[in-house]
Amino acid sequence: MLLFIDAIHEFYDDAQNRKEFEEWKERKSHNANEYIQKASPNEATHEEVKPH
């Protein structure tokens, strides 16, 4: 477990790794938002869904 934690610290100590990770995280978030909008057309068009 200690090796794993050390590897994480080593990864985040490198500024280039942090930059690439933040870019990846942004792309992932953007892709997830697009998927949600495609999967939920009512939300994407802001139509109100009324309960039965």
N, C-alpha and C. Protein backbone atom coordinates (compact mmCIF):
# COMPACT_ATOMS: atom_id res chain seq x y z
N MET A 1 0.83 -1.19 0.00
CA MET A 1 0.00 0.00 0.00
C MET A 1 0.88 1.26 0.00
N LEU A 2 1.95 1.20 0.72
CA LEU A 2 2.85 2.36 0.80
C LEU A 2 3.46 2.67 -0.57
N LEU A 3 3.76 1.64 -1.35
CA LEU A 3 4.30 1.86 -2.70
C LEU A 3 3.28 2.59 -3.57
N PHE A 4 2.02 2.23 -3.41
CA PHE A 4 0.96 2.86 -4.18
C PHE A 4 0.86 4.35 -3.83
N ILE A 5 0.87 4.66 -2.56
CA ILE A 5 0.79 6.05 -2.10
C ILE A 5 2.01 6.84 -2.57
N ASP A 6 3.19 6.23 -2.49
CA ASP A 6 4.40 6.88 -2.97
C ASP A 6 4.32 7.16 -4.48
N ALA A 7 3.73 6.22 -5.23
CA ALA A 7 3.60 6.41 -6.67
C ALA A 7 2.66 7.57 -6.98
N ILE A 8 1.60 7.71 -6.21
CA ILE A 8 0.67 8.83 -6.39
C ILE A 8 1.38 10.15 -6.12
N HIS A 9 2.11 10.20 -5.03
CA HIS A 9 2.86 11.44 -4.71
C HIS A 9 3.86 11.76 -5.81
N GLU A 10 4.55 10.76 -6.31
CA GLU A 10 5.53 10.98 -7.36
C GLU A 10 4.85 11.50 -8.62
N PHE A 11 3.69 10.94 -8.93
CA PHE A 11 2.93 11.38 -10.10
C PHE A 11 2.56 12.86 -9.98
N TYR A 12 2.01 13.24 -8.83
CA TYR A 12 1.54 14.62 -8.65
C TYR A 12 2.68 15.62 -8.44
N ASP A 13 3.87 15.16 -8.14
CA ASP A 13 5.01 16.07 -8.02
C ASP A 13 5.46 16.59 -9.38
N ASP A 14 5.10 15.89 -10.44
CA ASP A 14 5.48 16.30 -11.79
C ASP A 14 4.39 17.23 -12.36
N ALA A 15 4.75 18.48 -12.63
CA ALA A 15 3.78 19.47 -13.11
C ALA A 15 3.13 19.05 -14.42
N GLN A 16 3.87 18.43 -15.30
CA GLN A 16 3.30 17.97 -16.58
C GLN A 16 2.23 16.92 -16.35
N ASN A 17 2.46 16.00 -15.42
CA ASN A 17 1.45 14.98 -15.10
C ASN A 17 0.18 15.63 -14.57
N ARG A 18 0.32 16.61 -13.69
CA ARG A 18 -0.86 17.30 -13.14
C ARG A 18 -1.64 17.99 -14.25
N LYS A 19 -0.92 18.65 -15.16
CA LYS A 19 -1.56 19.36 -16.27
C LYS A 19 -2.33 18.37 -17.15
N GLU A 20 -1.70 17.27 -17.51
CA GLU A 20 -2.35 16.27 -18.36
C GLU A 20 -3.54 15.64 -17.65
N PHE A 21 -3.42 15.42 -16.34
CA PHE A 21 -4.53 14.85 -15.58
C PHE A 21 -5.72 15.80 -15.57
N GLU A 22 -5.48 17.09 -15.37
CA GLU A 22 -6.57 18.08 -15.36
C GLU A 22 -7.24 18.15 -16.72
N GLU A 23 -6.46 18.07 -17.80
CA GLU A 23 -7.03 18.06 -19.15
C GLU A 23 -7.89 16.82 -19.37
N TRP A 24 -7.41 15.67 -18.92
CA TRP A 24 -8.17 14.42 -19.05
C TRP A 24 -9.47 14.51 -18.26
N LYS A 25 -9.38 15.05 -17.04
CA LYS A 25 -10.56 15.17 -16.18
C LYS A 25 -11.62 16.07 -16.83
N GLU A 26 -11.19 17.15 -17.45
CA GLU A 26 -12.10 18.07 -18.13
C GLU A 26 -12.78 17.38 -19.32
N ARG A 27 -11.99 16.63 -20.12
CA ARG A 27 -12.57 15.90 -21.25
C ARG A 27 -13.57 14.87 -20.76
N LYS A 28 -13.24 14.16 -19.71
CA LYS A 28 -14.13 13.14 -19.16
C LYS A 28 -15.44 13.78 -18.69
N SER A 29 -15.35 14.90 -18.00
CA SER A 29 -16.53 15.60 -17.52
C SER A 29 -17.40 16.07 -18.69
N HIS A 30 -16.74 16.63 -19.71
CA HIS A 30 -17.47 17.11 -20.89
C HIS A 30 -18.18 15.95 -21.59
N ASN A 31 -17.49 14.83 -21.75
CA ASN A 31 -18.09 13.66 -22.40
C ASN A 31 -19.25 13.12 -21.59
N ALA A 32 -19.13 13.11 -20.27
CA ALA A 32 -20.21 12.63 -19.42
C ALA A 32 -21.43 13.53 -19.54
N ASN A 33 -21.22 14.83 -19.59
CA ASN A 33 -22.34 15.76 -19.74
C ASN A 33 -23.04 15.57 -21.08
N GLU A 34 -22.29 15.36 -22.14
CA GLU A 34 -22.89 15.11 -23.45
C GLU A 34 -23.70 13.82 -23.43
N TYR A 35 -23.19 12.78 -22.79
CA TYR A 35 -23.89 11.51 -22.71
C TYR A 35 -25.20 11.68 -21.96
N ILE A 36 -25.18 12.40 -20.85
CA ILE A 36 -26.38 12.62 -20.05
C ILE A 36 -27.43 13.37 -20.87
N GLN A 37 -27.02 14.38 -21.61
CA GLN A 37 -27.97 15.13 -22.42
C GLN A 37 -28.57 14.27 -23.52
N LYS A 38 -27.79 13.40 -24.11
CA LYS A 38 -28.31 12.52 -25.15
C LYS A 38 -29.24 11.47 -24.56
N ALA A 39 -28.93 11.00 -23.36
CA ALA A 39 -29.73 9.96 -22.71
C ALA A 39 -31.01 10.51 -22.11
N SER A 40 -31.05 11.81 -21.86
CA SER A 40 -32.20 12.42 -21.22
C SER A 40 -32.71 13.59 -22.05
N PRO A 41 -33.47 13.30 -23.10
CA PRO A 41 -33.92 14.37 -23.99
C PRO A 41 -34.80 15.41 -23.29
N ASN A 42 -35.55 15.03 -22.28
CA ASN A 42 -36.39 16.00 -21.57
C ASN A 42 -35.54 17.06 -20.89
N GLU A 43 -34.44 16.63 -20.28
CA GLU A 43 -33.55 17.57 -19.61
C GLU A 43 -32.82 18.44 -20.62
N ALA A 44 -32.43 17.84 -21.73
CA ALA A 44 -31.66 18.57 -22.73
C ALA A 44 -32.49 19.69 -23.34
N THR A 45 -33.80 19.48 -23.45
CA THR A 45 -34.66 20.51 -24.05
C THR A 45 -35.37 21.31 -22.97
N HIS A 46 -35.11 21.02 -21.72
CA HIS A 46 -35.69 21.72 -20.58
C HIS A 46 -37.20 21.54 -20.48
N GLU A 47 -37.73 20.43 -20.98
CA GLU A 47 -39.15 20.16 -20.85
C GLU A 47 -39.40 19.65 -19.45
N GLU A 48 -40.54 20.02 -18.92
CA GLU A 48 -40.88 19.58 -17.57
C GLU A 48 -41.51 18.19 -17.64
N VAL A 49 -41.06 17.31 -16.78
CA VAL A 49 -41.60 15.97 -16.69
C VAL A 49 -42.56 15.96 -15.53
N LYS A 50 -43.84 15.64 -15.83
CA LYS A 50 -44.87 15.63 -14.78
C LYS A 50 -45.05 14.22 -14.25
N PRO A 51 -45.15 14.06 -12.92
CA PRO A 51 -45.37 12.72 -12.35
C PRO A 51 -46.77 12.21 -12.71
N HIS A 52 -46.93 10.91 -12.75
CA HIS A 52 -48.24 10.30 -13.07
C HIS A 52 -49.14 10.35 -11.89
